[in-house]
Amino acid sequence: MIKHIKNRLNLFLILSLSLLILNCNKSGSGKAGNSDNEIQKINITMIAKSSKNPVFQSAHEGAEQAAEDLSDKYSKIDVTIDWKTPLNENINDQVDSIHNAVNEGTDAILISCSDRKILTESINQAVDKGIPVMTFDSDVPESKRFAFYGSDDNEIGTRLLEKLAELIDGKGQIALLGGNQDAPNLQNRISGIKKAAENFPEIQIVGEFYHPETSEDAAATFLQVNAKYPDLKGWAMVGGWPFFDETLLDKVEPGKQQIVVVDALPEQLPYIEKGIIQMCLGQPTFTWGEISVKQIVDHIAFKKEIEPIKNMNLIQVTSANLGGWARQLRAWGFKGLTRHFLTM
């Protein structure tokens, strides 16, 4: 009788242990978060340069999509995006957003930096308080951010100048449109242009022209410089701001100047088709948000090693591939794409 009871107890213990192991395996299968049933909430504060700029609207779309996908994929994490971007570019607003996010207990910060020196200090303060920071689009490599995702800006500058030199047969006056003079990424692009120009002694850069990053300010700067330099052969623009609306469509003679720009947004496609812009370097801005959010979650939830710098690939957009590019923009969440371009 005693032996029978012992056997039954042993069987019960074996079954209980087996069930425990099975449940542990299920709870750890491809899931992030705590070992118990708590869901790990990951709130990412996203601070771009300007919420009016379409490239950052696209990045926001990418971040939200990644947060939704990751929350669906892993049952024990819940990723949310807290959009804290100023309406217009303002370094003080970015600094305030960082400090407020830290005080409110954010889990991570994702930022495109409008100023190198000021934001390095703010980022370091956030990291020292235990908040991981990742940069996108515009980096501050001297800071304690753990990773950056964006373009190689010196390469962008080089490609802009080389293409423009090809279009103007390597000689003549050109101007550089620079946006915010304090933005690290834009300054690197300008440096790339000027370095590449050393290989073309017959090209004269008449100046670097900076302005607030709105279509109105950029268009006004563009027209003022053209009036001052009537023999200007071309423009290298490190951003496409003058062409973010239709203001210049009927004010610029197609082909009179050769214009190469960074970005190829829906608003710019008519300028390419009309021959006002000869080439755009399109950035996959949706992935600024998408890939950056995935890397932050890998860093926080899965403790993965993240590449300190990950460069995105640029796409050359001309009149020859407008249709394919328009359809890609639509897939990235851009609005305002007409059937005319989507069916090319």
C-alpha atoms as a PDB file:
ATOM      1  CA  MET A   1       0.000   0.000   0.000  1.00  0.00           C
ATOM      2  CA  ILE A   2       2.802   2.447   0.964  1.00  0.00           C
ATOM      3  CA  LYS A   3       4.698   1.601  -2.243  1.00  0.00           C
ATOM      4  CA  HIS A   4       1.569   2.294  -4.289  1.00  0.00           C
ATOM      5  CA  ILE A   5       1.147   5.721  -2.663  1.00  0.00           C
ATOM      6  CA  LYS A   6       4.826   6.584  -3.315  1.00  0.00           C
ATOM      7  CA  ASN A   7       4.450   5.661  -6.979  1.00  0.00           C
ATOM      8  CA  ARG A   8       1.403   7.874  -7.310  1.00  0.00           C
ATOM      9  CA  LEU A   9       3.237  10.776  -5.644  1.00  0.00           C
ATOM     10  CA  ASN A  10       6.224  10.364  -7.946  1.00  0.00           C
ATOM     11  CA  LEU A  11       3.943  10.344 -10.986  1.00  0.00           C
ATOM     12  CA  PHE A  12       2.209  13.485  -9.756  1.00  0.00           C
ATOM     13  CA  LEU A  13       5.547  15.255  -9.265  1.00  0.00           C
ATOM     14  CA  ILE A  14       6.746  14.240 -12.735  1.00  0.00           C
ATOM     15  CA  LEU A  15       3.552  15.501 -14.361  1.00  0.00           C
ATOM     16  CA  SER A  16       3.691  18.785 -12.437  1.00  0.00           C
ATOM     17  CA  LEU A  17       7.330  19.351 -13.423  1.00  0.00           C
ATOM     18  CA  SER A  18       6.558  18.594 -17.073  1.00  0.00           C
ATOM     19  CA  LEU A  19       3.695  21.089 -17.095  1.00  0.00           C
ATOM     20  CA  LEU A  20       5.923  23.720 -15.488  1.00  0.00           C
ATOM     21  CA  ILE A  21       8.656  23.271 -18.140  1.00  0.00           C
ATOM     22  CA  LEU A  22       6.076  23.364 -20.934  1.00  0.00           C
ATOM     23  CA  ASN A  23       4.588  26.617 -19.671  1.00  0.00           C
ATOM     24  CA  CYS A  24       8.028  28.188 -19.296  1.00  0.00           C
ATOM     25  CA  ASN A  25       8.915  27.268 -22.869  1.00  0.00           C
ATOM     26  CA  LYS A  26       5.670  28.753 -24.170  1.00  0.00           C
ATOM     27  CA  SER A  27       6.087  32.005 -22.304  1.00  0.00           C
ATOM     28  CA  GLY A  28       9.632  32.490 -23.635  1.00  0.00           C
ATOM     29  CA  SER A  29       9.020  31.521 -27.233  1.00  0.00           C
ATOM     30  CA  GLY A  30       9.960  34.524 -29.375  1.00  0.00           C
ATOM     31  CA  LYS A  31       8.592  36.972 -26.834  1.00  0.00           C
ATOM     32  CA  ALA A  32      10.071  40.002 -25.171  1.00  0.00           C
ATOM     33  CA  GLY A  33       9.331  41.525 -21.803  1.00  0.00           C
ATOM     34  CA  ASN A  34       9.318  40.203 -18.269  1.00  0.00           C
ATOM     35  CA  SER A  35       9.317  36.532 -17.286  1.00  0.00           C
ATOM     36  CA  ASP A  36       5.894  36.901 -15.660  1.00  0.00           C
ATOM     37  CA  ASN A  37       2.666  37.881 -17.386  1.00  0.00           C
ATOM     38  CA  GLU A  38       3.327  41.630 -17.333  1.00  0.00           C
ATOM     39  CA  ILE A  39       3.444  43.435 -20.676  1.00  0.00           C
ATOM     40  CA  GLN A  40       6.551  45.568 -21.208  1.00  0.00           C
ATOM     41  CA  LYS A  41       5.421  49.001 -22.326  1.00  0.00           C
ATOM     42  CA  ILE A  42       7.941  50.857 -24.498  1.00  0.00           C
ATOM     43  CA  ASN A  43       7.084  54.497 -25.056  1.00  0.00           C
ATOM     44  CA  ILE A  44       9.341  56.180 -27.641  1.00  0.00           C
ATOM     45  CA  THR A  45       9.413  59.961 -27.780  1.00  0.00           C
ATOM     46  CA  MET A  46       9.982  61.012 -31.393  1.00  0.00           C
ATOM     47  CA  ILE A  47      11.368  64.503 -31.996  1.00  0.00           C
ATOM     48  CA  ALA A  48      11.863  65.478 -35.649  1.00  0.00           C
ATOM     49  CA  LYS A  49      12.846  68.933 -36.858  1.00  0.00           C
ATOM     50  CA  SER A  50       9.469  70.161 -38.097  1.00  0.00           C
ATOM     51  CA  SER A  51       6.028  68.591 -38.231  1.00  0.00           C
ATOM     52  CA  LYS A  52       5.203  70.765 -41.286  1.00  0.00           C
ATOM     53  CA  ASN A  53       7.976  69.145 -43.319  1.00  0.00           C
ATOM     54  CA  PRO A  54       6.574  66.230 -45.375  1.00  0.00           C
ATOM     55  CA  VAL A  55       9.735  64.144 -44.948  1.00  0.00           C
ATOM     56  CA  PHE A  56       9.180  64.042 -41.193  1.00  0.00           C
ATOM     57  CA  GLN A  57       5.491  63.325 -41.583  1.00  0.00           C
ATOM     58  CA  SER A  58       6.568  60.264 -43.563  1.00  0.00           C
ATOM     59  CA  ALA A  59       9.057  59.293 -40.849  1.00  0.00           C
ATOM     60  CA  HIS A  60       6.259  59.557 -38.281  1.00  0.00           C
ATOM     61  CA  GLU A  61       4.105  57.223 -40.394  1.00  0.00           C
ATOM     62  CA  GLY A  62       6.962  54.728 -40.494  1.00  0.00           C
ATOM     63  CA  ALA A  63       7.437  54.878 -36.732  1.00  0.00           C
ATOM     64  CA  GLU A  64       3.748  54.330 -36.022  1.00  0.00           C
ATOM     65  CA  GLN A  65       3.624  51.410 -38.439  1.00  0.00           C
ATOM     66  CA  ALA A  66       6.657  49.777 -36.828  1.00  0.00           C
ATOM     67  CA  ALA A  67       5.168  50.255 -33.348  1.00  0.00           C
ATOM     68  CA  GLU A  68       1.937  48.593 -34.425  1.00  0.00           C
ATOM     69  CA  ASP A  69       3.727  45.712 -36.159  1.00  0.00           C
ATOM     70  CA  LEU A  70       6.011  45.015 -33.204  1.00  0.00           C
ATOM     71  CA  SER A  71       3.138  45.137 -30.703  1.00  0.00           C
ATOM     72  CA  ASP A  72       1.211  42.643 -32.846  1.00  0.00           C
ATOM     73  CA  LYS A  73       4.205  40.361 -33.335  1.00  0.00           C
ATOM     74  CA  TYR A  74       5.267  40.107 -29.689  1.00  0.00           C
ATOM     75  CA  SER A  75       2.549  39.490 -27.131  1.00  0.00           C
ATOM     76  CA  LYS A  76       4.579  40.830 -24.220  1.00  0.00           C
ATOM     77  CA  ILE A  77       5.568  44.231 -25.548  1.00  0.00           C
ATOM     78  CA  ASP A  78       3.427  47.270 -26.276  1.00  0.00           C
ATOM     79  CA  VAL A  79       5.199  49.946 -28.327  1.00  0.00           C
ATOM     80  CA  THR A  80       3.831  53.490 -28.577  1.00  0.00           C
ATOM     81  CA  ILE A  81       5.120  56.642 -30.295  1.00  0.00           C
ATOM     82  CA  ASP A  82       4.876  60.016 -28.555  1.00  0.00           C
ATOM     83  CA  TRP A  83       5.252  62.638 -31.316  1.00  0.00           C
ATOM     84  CA  LYS A  84       6.872  65.739 -29.789  1.00  0.00           C
ATOM     85  CA  THR A  85       8.011  67.603 -32.895  1.00  0.00           C
ATOM     86  CA  PRO A  86       7.728  71.412 -33.168  1.00  0.00           C
ATOM     87  CA  LEU A  87       5.494  72.798 -35.904  1.00  0.00           C
ATOM     88  CA  ASN A  88       8.419  74.724 -37.372  1.00  0.00           C
ATOM     89  CA  GLU A  89      12.083  73.984 -36.756  1.00  0.00           C
ATOM     90  CA  ASN A  90      13.072  75.379 -33.363  1.00  0.00           C
ATOM     91  CA  ILE A  91      16.076  74.185 -31.388  1.00  0.00           C
ATOM     92  CA  ASN A  92      14.663  75.438 -28.074  1.00  0.00           C
ATOM     93  CA  ASP A  93      11.503  73.400 -28.632  1.00  0.00           C
ATOM     94  CA  GLN A  94      13.614  70.313 -29.292  1.00  0.00           C
ATOM     95  CA  VAL A  95      15.562  70.842 -26.073  1.00  0.00           C
ATOM     96  CA  ASP A  96      12.318  71.302 -24.124  1.00  0.00           C
ATOM     97  CA  SER A  97      10.884  68.146 -25.680  1.00  0.00           C
ATOM     98  CA  ILE A  98      13.905  66.122 -24.542  1.00  0.00           C
ATOM     99  CA  HIS A  99      13.751  67.457 -20.985  1.00  0.00           C
ATOM    100  CA  ASN A 100       9.974  66.964 -20.756  1.00  0.00           C
ATOM    101  CA  ALA A 101      10.235  63.431 -22.096  1.00  0.00           C
ATOM    102  CA  VAL A 102      12.834  62.532 -19.467  1.00  0.00           C
ATOM    103  CA  ASN A 103      10.741  64.050 -16.677  1.00  0.00           C
ATOM    104  CA  GLU A 104       7.637  62.226 -17.887  1.00  0.00           C
ATOM    105  CA  GLY A 105       9.447  58.886 -17.811  1.00  0.00           C
ATOM    106  CA  THR A 106       9.798  58.062 -21.499  1.00  0.00           C
ATOM    107  CA  ASP A 107      11.551  54.783 -22.327  1.00  0.00           C
ATOM    108  CA  ALA A 108      13.582  56.094 -25.289  1.00  0.00           C
ATOM    109  CA  ILE A 109      14.091  59.167 -27.442  1.00  0.00           C
ATOM    110  CA  LEU A 110      14.378  59.237 -31.243  1.00  0.00           C
ATOM    111  CA  ILE A 111      15.519  62.602 -32.605  1.00  0.00           C
ATOM    112  CA  SER A 112      16.618  64.394 -35.778  1.00  0.00           C
ATOM    113  CA  CYS A 113      18.984  67.078 -34.531  1.00  0.00           C
ATOM    114  CA  SER A 114      18.697  70.737 -35.516  1.00  0.00           C
ATOM    115  CA  ASP A 115      21.877  71.804 -33.719  1.00  0.00           C
ATOM    116  CA  ARG A 116      25.052  69.881 -32.954  1.00  0.00           C
ATOM    117  CA  LYS A 117      26.386  71.576 -29.819  1.00  0.00           C
ATOM    118  CA  ILE A 118      23.168  72.308 -27.941  1.00  0.00           C
ATOM    119  CA  LEU A 119      21.592  68.925 -28.547  1.00  0.00           C
ATOM    120  CA  THR A 120      24.744  67.012 -27.699  1.00  0.00           C
ATOM    121  CA  GLU A 121      24.448  68.394 -24.185  1.00  0.00           C
ATOM    122  CA  SER A 122      20.726  67.625 -23.904  1.00  0.00           C
ATOM    123  CA  ILE A 123      21.128  64.107 -25.269  1.00  0.00           C
ATOM    124  CA  ASN A 124      23.959  63.377 -22.855  1.00  0.00           C
ATOM    125  CA  GLN A 125      21.847  64.560 -19.931  1.00  0.00           C
ATOM    126  CA  ALA A 126      19.028  62.219 -20.986  1.00  0.00           C
ATOM    127  CA  VAL A 127      21.377  59.241 -21.350  1.00  0.00           C
ATOM    128  CA  ASP A 128      22.968  59.980 -17.969  1.00  0.00           C
ATOM    129  CA  LYS A 129      19.475  59.678 -16.484  1.00  0.00           C
ATOM    130  CA  GLY A 130      19.037  56.238 -18.029  1.00  0.00           C
ATOM    131  CA  ILE A 131      17.089  57.137 -21.198  1.00  0.00           C
ATOM    132  CA  PRO A 132      18.570  55.606 -24.376  1.00  0.00           C
ATOM    133  CA  VAL A 133      18.698  58.031 -27.307  1.00  0.00           C
ATOM    134  CA  MET A 134      18.886  57.252 -31.016  1.00  0.00           C
ATOM    135  CA  THR A 135      19.291  59.841 -33.782  1.00  0.00           C
ATOM    136  CA  PHE A 136      17.926  59.736 -37.324  1.00  0.00           C
ATOM    137  CA  ASP A 137      18.391  61.929 -40.404  1.00  0.00           C
ATOM    138  CA  SER A 138      20.661  64.429 -38.610  1.00  0.00           C
ATOM    139  CA  ASP A 139      23.251  63.011 -36.224  1.00  0.00           C
ATOM    140  CA  VAL A 140      25.366  64.327 -33.355  1.00  0.00           C
ATOM    141  CA  PRO A 141      28.080  61.655 -33.213  1.00  0.00           C
ATOM    142  CA  GLU A 142      29.902  63.332 -30.309  1.00  0.00           C
ATOM    143  CA  SER A 143      26.919  62.648 -28.044  1.00  0.00           C
ATOM    144  CA  LYS A 144      26.086  59.517 -26.041  1.00  0.00           C
ATOM    145  CA  ARG A 145      23.379  58.392 -28.469  1.00  0.00           C
ATOM    146  CA  PHE A 146      23.629  54.639 -29.004  1.00  0.00           C
ATOM    147  CA  ALA A 147      22.897  54.609 -32.757  1.00  0.00           C
ATOM    148  CA  PHE A 148      22.147  56.703 -35.843  1.00  0.00           C
ATOM    149  CA  TYR A 149      20.108  55.852 -38.931  1.00  0.00           C
ATOM    150  CA  GLY A 150      20.222  58.071 -42.007  1.00  0.00           C
ATOM    151  CA  SER A 151      22.139  59.047 -45.092  1.00  0.00           C
ATOM    152  CA  ASP A 152      25.856  59.538 -45.589  1.00  0.00           C
ATOM    153  CA  ASP A 153      25.637  63.305 -45.952  1.00  0.00           C
ATOM    154  CA  ASN A 154      29.104  63.838 -47.377  1.00  0.00           C
ATOM    155  CA  GLU A 155      28.256  61.304 -50.075  1.00  0.00           C
ATOM    156  CA  ILE A 156      25.013  63.188 -50.782  1.00  0.00           C
ATOM    157  CA  GLY A 157      26.964  66.399 -51.312  1.00  0.00           C
ATOM    158  CA  THR A 158      29.413  64.661 -53.605  1.00  0.00           C
ATOM    159  CA  ARG A 159      26.646  63.138 -55.720  1.00  0.00           C
ATOM    160  CA  LEU A 160      24.813  66.446 -56.007  1.00  0.00           C
ATOM    161  CA  LEU A 161      27.873  68.310 -57.239  1.00  0.00           C
ATOM    162  CA  GLU A 162      28.995  65.595 -59.641  1.00  0.00           C
ATOM    163  CA  LYS A 163      25.557  65.401 -61.220  1.00  0.00           C
ATOM    164  CA  LEU A 164      25.302  69.179 -61.500  1.00  0.00           C
ATOM    165  CA  ALA A 165      28.792  69.365 -63.007  1.00  0.00           C
ATOM    166  CA  GLU A 166      27.728  66.821 -65.617  1.00  0.00           C
ATOM    167  CA  LEU A 167      24.636  68.861 -66.497  1.00  0.00           C
ATOM    168  CA  ILE A 168      26.528  72.162 -66.926  1.00  0.00           C
ATOM    169  CA  ASP A 169      29.548  70.639 -68.699  1.00  0.00           C
ATOM    170  CA  GLY A 170      31.817  71.302 -65.737  1.00  0.00           C
ATOM    171  CA  LYS A 171      31.826  75.094 -65.889  1.00  0.00           C
ATOM    172  CA  GLY A 172      29.852  78.134 -64.819  1.00  0.00           C
ATOM    173  CA  GLN A 173      28.397  79.765 -61.730  1.00  0.00           C
ATOM    174  CA  ILE A 174      26.371  77.702 -59.299  1.00  0.00           C
ATOM    175  CA  ALA A 175      24.666  78.389 -55.969  1.00  0.00           C
ATOM    176  CA  LEU A 176      24.121  76.165 -52.930  1.00  0.00           C
ATOM    177  CA  LEU A 177      20.826  76.147 -51.024  1.00  0.00           C
ATOM    178  CA  GLY A 178      21.510  75.140 -47.442  1.00  0.00           C
ATOM    179  CA  GLY A 179      18.417  75.343 -45.211  1.00  0.00           C
ATOM    180  CA  ASN A 180      19.246  75.641 -41.511  1.00  0.00           C
ATOM    181  CA  GLN A 181      22.885  76.669 -41.141  1.00  0.00           C
ATOM    182  CA  ASP A 182      23.190  74.924 -37.770  1.00  0.00           C
ATOM    183  CA  ALA A 183      21.826  71.527 -38.850  1.00  0.00           C
ATOM    184  CA  PRO A 184      24.675  68.962 -38.718  1.00  0.00           C
ATOM    185  CA  ASN A 185      23.438  66.867 -41.631  1.00  0.00           C
ATOM    186  CA  LEU A 186      23.021  69.859 -43.940  1.00  0.00           C
ATOM    187  CA  GLN A 187      26.435  71.237 -43.085  1.00  0.00           C
ATOM    188  CA  ASN A 188      27.960  67.864 -43.962  1.00  0.00           C
ATOM    189  CA  ARG A 189      26.187  67.928 -47.324  1.00  0.00           C
ATOM    190  CA  ILE A 190      27.493  71.423 -48.032  1.00  0.00           C
ATOM    191  CA  SER A 191      30.996  70.241 -47.124  1.00  0.00           C
ATOM    192  CA  GLY A 192      30.628  67.312 -49.518  1.00  0.00           C
ATOM    193  CA  ILE A 193      29.591  69.654 -52.331  1.00  0.00           C
ATOM    194  CA  LYS A 194      32.506  72.031 -51.771  1.00  0.00           C
ATOM    195  CA  LYS A 195      35.022  69.190 -51.538  1.00  0.00           C
ATOM    196  CA  ALA A 196      33.760  67.624 -54.777  1.00  0.00           C
ATOM    197  CA  ALA A 197      33.839  71.041 -56.489  1.00  0.00           C
ATOM    198  CA  GLU A 198      37.615  71.117 -56.082  1.00  0.00           C
ATOM    199  CA  ASN A 199      37.749  68.647 -58.972  1.00  0.00           C
ATOM    200  CA  PHE A 200      36.015  71.143 -61.285  1.00  0.00           C
ATOM    201  CA  PRO A 201      38.128  74.324 -61.431  1.00  0.00           C
ATOM    202  CA  GLU A 202      35.824  76.004 -63.955  1.00  0.00           C
ATOM    203  CA  ILE A 203      32.841  75.819 -61.594  1.00  0.00           C
ATOM    204  CA  GLN A 204      32.382  78.892 -59.406  1.00  0.00           C
ATOM    205  CA  ILE A 205      30.258  78.639 -56.263  1.00  0.00           C
ATOM    206  CA  VAL A 206      28.755  82.126 -55.825  1.00  0.00           C
ATOM    207  CA  GLY A 207      27.576  81.401 -52.297  1.00  0.00           C
ATOM    208  CA  GLU A 208      25.879  79.210 -49.726  1.00  0.00           C
ATOM    209  CA  PHE A 209      22.374  80.484 -49.006  1.00  0.00           C
ATOM    210  CA  TYR A 210      20.618  79.557 -45.757  1.00  0.00           C
ATOM    211  CA  HIS A 211      17.014  80.110 -44.680  1.00  0.00           C
ATOM    212  CA  PRO A 212      14.280  78.810 -42.360  1.00  0.00           C
ATOM    213  CA  GLU A 213      13.177  75.418 -43.641  1.00  0.00           C
ATOM    214  CA  THR A 214       9.795  76.379 -45.033  1.00  0.00           C
ATOM    215  CA  SER A 215       8.752  76.405 -48.663  1.00  0.00           C
ATOM    216  CA  GLU A 216       7.969  80.131 -48.484  1.00  0.00           C
ATOM    217  CA  ASP A 217      11.391  81.129 -47.144  1.00  0.00           C
ATOM    218  CA  ALA A 218      13.247  78.764 -49.454  1.00  0.00           C
ATOM    219  CA  ALA A 219      11.374  79.960 -52.546  1.00  0.00           C
ATOM    220  CA  ALA A 220      12.027  83.603 -51.632  1.00  0.00           C
ATOM    221  CA  THR A 221      15.750  82.901 -51.182  1.00  0.00           C
ATOM    222  CA  PHE A 222      15.878  81.042 -54.486  1.00  0.00           C
ATOM    223  CA  LEU A 223      14.261  83.926 -56.401  1.00  0.00           C
ATOM    224  CA  GLN A 224      16.400  86.579 -54.711  1.00  0.00           C
ATOM    225  CA  VAL A 225      19.638  84.789 -55.562  1.00  0.00           C
ATOM    226  CA  ASN A 226      18.539  84.253 -59.177  1.00  0.00           C
ATOM    227  CA  ALA A 227      17.833  87.972 -59.490  1.00  0.00           C
ATOM    228  CA  LYS A 228      21.252  88.843 -58.081  1.00  0.00           C
ATOM    229  CA  TYR A 229      23.152  86.387 -60.290  1.00  0.00           C
ATOM    230  CA  PRO A 230      21.491  86.425 -63.736  1.00  0.00           C
ATOM    231  CA  ASP A 231      24.223  84.210 -65.243  1.00  0.00           C
ATOM    232  CA  LEU A 232      23.734  81.429 -62.697  1.00  0.00           C
ATOM    233  CA  LYS A 233      23.972  78.064 -64.449  1.00  0.00           C
ATOM    234  CA  GLY A 234      22.651  75.824 -61.715  1.00  0.00           C
ATOM    235  CA  TRP A 235      21.729  74.989 -58.133  1.00  0.00           C
ATOM    236  CA  ALA A 236      22.783  72.244 -55.743  1.00  0.00           C
ATOM    237  CA  MET A 237      20.124  72.094 -53.039  1.00  0.00           C
ATOM    238  CA  VAL A 238      20.731  70.009 -49.926  1.00  0.00           C
ATOM    239  CA  GLY A 239      16.976  69.946 -49.372  1.00  0.00           C
ATOM    240  CA  GLY A 240      13.998  70.369 -51.685  1.00  0.00           C
ATOM    241  CA  TRP A 241      12.205  73.094 -49.692  1.00  0.00           C
ATOM    242  CA  PRO A 242      11.474  75.588 -52.546  1.00  0.00           C
ATOM    243  CA  PHE A 243       9.448  72.916 -54.316  1.00  0.00           C
ATOM    244  CA  PHE A 244       7.279  71.741 -51.414  1.00  0.00           C
ATOM    245  CA  ASP A 245       4.313  73.567 -52.954  1.00  0.00           C
ATOM    246  CA  GLU A 246       3.268  74.886 -56.368  1.00  0.00           C
ATOM    247  CA  THR A 247       4.503  78.469 -55.880  1.00  0.00           C
ATOM    248  CA  LEU A 248       7.407  78.221 -58.329  1.00  0.00           C
ATOM    249  CA  LEU A 249       5.788  76.062 -61.000  1.00  0.00           C
ATOM    250  CA  ASP A 250       4.915  79.095 -63.141  1.00  0.00           C
ATOM    251  CA  LYS A 251       7.797  81.318 -61.998  1.00  0.00           C
ATOM    252  CA  VAL A 252      10.769  79.267 -63.181  1.00  0.00           C
ATOM    253  CA  GLU A 253      11.667  78.716 -66.814  1.00  0.00           C
ATOM    254  CA  PRO A 254      12.261  74.980 -67.375  1.00  0.00           C
ATOM    255  CA  GLY A 255      15.831  74.211 -68.374  1.00  0.00           C
ATOM    256  CA  LYS A 256      17.165  77.750 -67.913  1.00  0.00           C
ATOM    257  CA  GLN A 257      19.102  76.466 -64.915  1.00  0.00           C
ATOM    258  CA  GLN A 258      20.122  72.951 -63.994  1.00  0.00           C
ATOM    259  CA  ILE A 259      18.781  72.039 -60.546  1.00  0.00           C
ATOM    260  CA  VAL A 260      19.610  68.994 -58.453  1.00  0.00           C
ATOM    261  CA  VAL A 261      18.046  68.529 -55.024  1.00  0.00           C
ATOM    262  CA  VAL A 262      17.766  66.155 -52.096  1.00  0.00           C
ATOM    263  CA  ASP A 263      14.337  64.559 -51.537  1.00  0.00           C
ATOM    264  CA  ALA A 264      11.710  63.656 -54.107  1.00  0.00           C
ATOM    265  CA  LEU A 265       8.325  64.210 -52.507  1.00  0.00           C
ATOM    266  CA  PRO A 266       4.880  64.199 -54.157  1.00  0.00           C
ATOM    267  CA  GLU A 267       4.914  68.013 -54.317  1.00  0.00           C
ATOM    268  CA  GLN A 268       8.182  67.934 -56.262  1.00  0.00           C
ATOM    269  CA  LEU A 269       7.121  65.497 -58.966  1.00  0.00           C
ATOM    270  CA  PRO A 270       5.486  68.175 -61.204  1.00  0.00           C
ATOM    271  CA  TYR A 271       8.757  70.145 -61.116  1.00  0.00           C
ATOM    272  CA  ILE A 272      10.642  67.072 -62.322  1.00  0.00           C
ATOM    273  CA  GLU A 273       8.100  66.352 -65.050  1.00  0.00           C
ATOM    274  CA  LYS A 274       8.145  69.969 -66.238  1.00  0.00           C
ATOM    275  CA  GLY A 275      11.945  70.015 -66.446  1.00  0.00           C
ATOM    276  CA  ILE A 276      12.540  72.587 -63.714  1.00  0.00           C
ATOM    277  CA  ILE A 277      14.320  69.984 -61.554  1.00  0.00           C
ATOM    278  CA  GLN A 278      16.693  67.719 -63.444  1.00  0.00           C
ATOM    279  CA  MET A 279      17.428  65.216 -60.665  1.00  0.00           C
ATOM    280  CA  CYS A 280      16.352  64.429 -57.115  1.00  0.00           C
ATOM    281  CA  LEU A 281      18.103  62.182 -54.638  1.00  0.00           C
ATOM    282  CA  GLY A 282      15.152  60.451 -53.010  1.00  0.00           C
ATOM    283  CA  GLN A 283      15.482  59.399 -49.392  1.00  0.00           C
ATOM    284  CA  PRO A 284      13.324  56.519 -48.100  1.00  0.00           C
ATOM    285  CA  THR A 285      12.075  58.745 -45.293  1.00  0.00           C
ATOM    286  CA  PHE A 286       9.439  56.234 -44.144  1.00  0.00           C
ATOM    287  CA  THR A 287      12.280  53.998 -42.985  1.00  0.00           C
ATOM    288  CA  TRP A 288      13.679  56.766 -40.764  1.00  0.00           C
ATOM    289  CA  GLY A 289      10.830  55.933 -38.433  1.00  0.00           C
ATOM    290  CA  GLU A 290      10.337  52.261 -39.282  1.00  0.00           C
ATOM    291  CA  ILE A 291      13.909  51.038 -38.939  1.00  0.00           C
ATOM    292  CA  SER A 292      14.799  53.345 -36.054  1.00  0.00           C
ATOM    293  CA  VAL A 293      11.865  52.136 -33.930  1.00  0.00           C
ATOM    294  CA  LYS A 294      12.765  48.512 -34.619  1.00  0.00           C
ATOM    295  CA  GLN A 295      16.343  49.159 -33.553  1.00  0.00           C
ATOM    296  CA  ILE A 296      15.243  50.889 -30.366  1.00  0.00           C
ATOM    297  CA  VAL A 297      13.023  47.924 -29.462  1.00  0.00           C
ATOM    298  CA  ASP A 298      15.855  45.502 -30.234  1.00  0.00           C
ATOM    299  CA  HIS A 299      18.085  47.559 -27.945  1.00  0.00           C
ATOM    300  CA  ILE A 300      15.619  47.846 -25.050  1.00  0.00           C
ATOM    301  CA  ALA A 301      13.557  44.659 -25.136  1.00  0.00           C
ATOM    302  CA  PHE A 302      15.956  42.146 -26.654  1.00  0.00           C
ATOM    303  CA  LYS A 303      19.290  43.632 -25.483  1.00  0.00           C
ATOM    304  CA  LYS A 304      20.741  43.297 -28.975  1.00  0.00           C
ATOM    305  CA  GLU A 305      23.915  44.964 -30.170  1.00  0.00           C
ATOM    306  CA  ILE A 306      22.988  47.761 -32.572  1.00  0.00           C
ATOM    307  CA  GLU A 307      25.255  49.138 -35.291  1.00  0.00           C
ATOM    308  CA  PRO A 308      26.335  52.634 -34.183  1.00  0.00           C
ATOM    309  CA  ILE A 309      25.766  53.962 -37.705  1.00  0.00           C
ATOM    310  CA  LYS A 310      23.438  52.527 -40.331  1.00  0.00           C
ATOM    311  CA  ASN A 311      23.301  54.343 -43.663  1.00  0.00           C
ATOM    312  CA  MET A 312      20.226  54.345 -45.864  1.00  0.00           C
ATOM    313  CA  ASN A 313      20.309  53.978 -49.632  1.00  0.00           C
ATOM    314  CA  LEU A 314      19.374  56.929 -51.834  1.00  0.00           C
ATOM    315  CA  ILE A 315      17.383  56.627 -55.035  1.00  0.00           C
ATOM    316  CA  GLN A 316      18.044  58.842 -58.059  1.00  0.00           C
ATOM    317  CA  VAL A 317      14.743  60.199 -59.364  1.00  0.00           C
ATOM    318  CA  THR A 318      14.386  61.794 -62.804  1.00  0.00           C
ATOM    319  CA  SER A 319      11.639  62.126 -65.404  1.00  0.00           C
ATOM    320  CA  ALA A 320      12.494  58.588 -66.502  1.00  0.00           C
ATOM    321  CA  ASN A 321      11.285  56.849 -63.325  1.00  0.00           C
ATOM    322  CA  LEU A 322       8.583  59.158 -61.965  1.00  0.00           C
ATOM    323  CA  GLY A 323       5.829  56.542 -62.067  1.00  0.00           C
ATOM    324  CA  GLY A 324       7.710  53.890 -60.141  1.00  0.00           C
ATOM    325  CA  TRP A 325       8.841  56.447 -57.581  1.00  0.00           C
ATOM    326  CA  ALA A 326       5.292  57.780 -57.157  1.00  0.00           C
ATOM    327  CA  ARG A 327       4.027  54.282 -56.396  1.00  0.00           C
ATOM    328  CA  GLN A 328       6.839  53.793 -53.879  1.00  0.00           C
ATOM    329  CA  LEU A 329       5.907  57.057 -52.157  1.00  0.00           C
ATOM    330  CA  ARG A 330       2.309  55.887 -51.886  1.00  0.00           C
ATOM    331  CA  ALA A 331       3.480  52.631 -50.293  1.00  0.00           C
ATOM    332  CA  TRP A 332       5.354  54.708 -47.700  1.00  0.00           C
ATOM    333  CA  GLY A 333       2.186  56.554 -46.728  1.00  0.00           C
ATOM    334  CA  PHE A 334       2.604  59.800 -48.662  1.00  0.00           C
ATOM    335  CA  LYS A 335      -0.606  61.616 -49.576  1.00  0.00           C
ATOM    336  CA  GLY A 336      -1.442  63.868 -52.497  1.00  0.00           C
ATOM    337  CA  LEU A 337      -0.203  61.575 -55.253  1.00  0.00           C
ATOM    338  CA  THR A 338      -2.309  62.041 -58.363  1.00  0.00           C
ATOM    339  CA  ARG A 339      -3.448  59.293 -60.688  1.00  0.00           C
ATOM    340  CA  HIS A 340      -1.397  60.992 -63.389  1.00  0.00           C
ATOM    341  CA  PHE A 341       1.875  60.034 -61.694  1.00  0.00           C
ATOM    342  CA  LEU A 342       0.686  56.733 -60.219  1.00  0.00           C
ATOM    343  CA  THR A 343      -0.235  55.380 -63.663  1.00  0.00           C
ATOM    344  CA  MET A 344       2.930  56.468 -65.490  1.00  0.00           C
END
